[in-house]
């Protein structure tokens, strides 16, 4: 079964999508939707742009590292023993 969902994209996201695929500035929304789908399937199957050589219209995506979060056990223990 196919399920449709509404998606809002910011202007910078649209610009990035246009850069990746080399789309013109006046591309219709339906075409953008098709390219968003294409991008989802390319990245979902692991054949995305990470392995592709950059082209003049494609800007490499920088790697983003997220900090490792560790729980504060002393605070959690204090919260658990606190009587209300």
Protein backbone atom coordinates (compact mmCIF):
# COMPACT_ATOMS: atom_id res chain seq x y z
CA UNK A 1 0.00 0.00 0.00
CA UNK A 2 1.32 3.45 -0.92
CA UNK A 3 1.12 6.15 1.74
CA UNK A 4 1.49 9.79 0.81
CA UNK A 5 2.86 12.38 3.23
CA UNK A 6 3.16 16.15 3.00
CA UNK A 7 6.67 17.55 3.33
CA UNK A 8 7.78 21.17 3.76
CA UNK A 9 11.23 22.08 2.48
CA UNK A 10 13.16 25.21 3.37
CA UNK A 11 14.57 27.49 0.70
CA UNK A 12 18.19 26.40 1.41
CA UNK A 13 17.09 22.75 1.04
CA UNK A 14 15.54 23.53 -2.35
CA UNK A 15 18.72 25.34 -3.41
CA UNK A 16 20.83 22.35 -2.32
CA UNK A 17 18.56 19.98 -4.27
CA UNK A 18 18.91 22.21 -7.34
CA UNK A 19 22.71 22.18 -6.96
CA UNK A 20 22.90 18.41 -6.57
CA UNK A 21 20.82 17.67 -9.66
CA UNK A 22 21.65 20.78 -11.70
CA UNK A 23 18.02 21.93 -11.86
CA UNK A 24 16.93 25.33 -13.22
CA UNK A 25 15.65 28.03 -10.85
CA UNK A 26 12.07 27.84 -12.20
CA UNK A 27 11.58 24.10 -11.72
CA UNK A 28 7.92 23.19 -10.93
CA UNK A 29 7.03 21.78 -7.48
CA UNK A 30 6.01 18.43 -8.99
CA UNK A 31 9.48 18.04 -10.50
CA UNK A 32 11.09 18.92 -7.17
CA UNK A 33 8.95 16.26 -5.51
CA UNK A 34 10.20 13.71 -8.03
CA UNK A 35 13.81 14.62 -7.33
CA UNK A 36 13.22 14.43 -3.56
CA UNK A 37 11.85 10.90 -4.07
CA UNK A 38 14.83 10.04 -6.25
CA UNK A 39 17.24 11.31 -3.61
CA UNK A 40 15.48 9.31 -0.87
CA UNK A 41 15.74 6.11 -2.89
CA UNK A 42 19.38 6.75 -3.87
CA UNK A 43 20.45 7.33 -0.27
CA UNK A 44 18.18 4.57 1.04
CA UNK A 45 19.83 1.97 -1.18
CA UNK A 46 23.36 3.12 -0.37
CA UNK A 47 24.07 4.25 -3.94
CA UNK A 48 23.91 7.94 -3.07
CA UNK A 49 26.41 10.67 -3.71
CA UNK A 50 29.02 9.58 -1.15
CA UNK A 51 30.67 7.26 -3.69
CA UNK A 52 30.14 9.50 -6.72
CA UNK A 53 32.82 11.85 -8.01
CA UNK A 54 31.82 15.52 -7.61
CA UNK A 55 30.65 17.35 -10.72
CA UNK A 56 30.66 21.14 -11.22
CA UNK A 57 27.00 21.33 -10.15
CA UNK A 58 27.43 18.96 -7.20
CA UNK A 59 28.88 20.28 -3.95
CA UNK A 60 30.34 17.61 -1.62
CA UNK A 61 28.35 17.07 1.60
CA UNK A 62 30.49 17.68 4.71
CA UNK A 63 30.61 14.95 7.33
CA UNK A 64 28.73 15.79 10.51
CA UNK A 65 29.77 14.25 13.79
CA UNK A 66 27.41 14.25 16.74
CA UNK A 67 28.75 14.30 20.29
CA UNK A 68 28.30 11.16 22.34
CA UNK A 69 25.80 11.76 25.11
CA UNK A 70 26.32 9.99 28.43
CA UNK A 71 23.73 9.97 31.20
CA UNK A 72 24.54 11.73 34.46
CA UNK A 73 23.96 8.81 36.82
CA UNK A 74 24.36 10.85 40.02
CA UNK A 75 21.61 13.25 38.91
CA UNK A 76 19.39 10.37 37.86
CA UNK A 77 19.91 8.65 41.23
CA UNK A 78 19.09 11.90 43.03
CA UNK A 79 15.90 12.26 40.99
CA UNK A 80 14.89 8.66 41.71
CA UNK A 81 15.37 8.99 45.47
CA UNK A 82 13.71 12.43 45.70
CA UNK A 83 10.41 12.16 47.55
CA UNK A 84 7.50 14.23 46.32
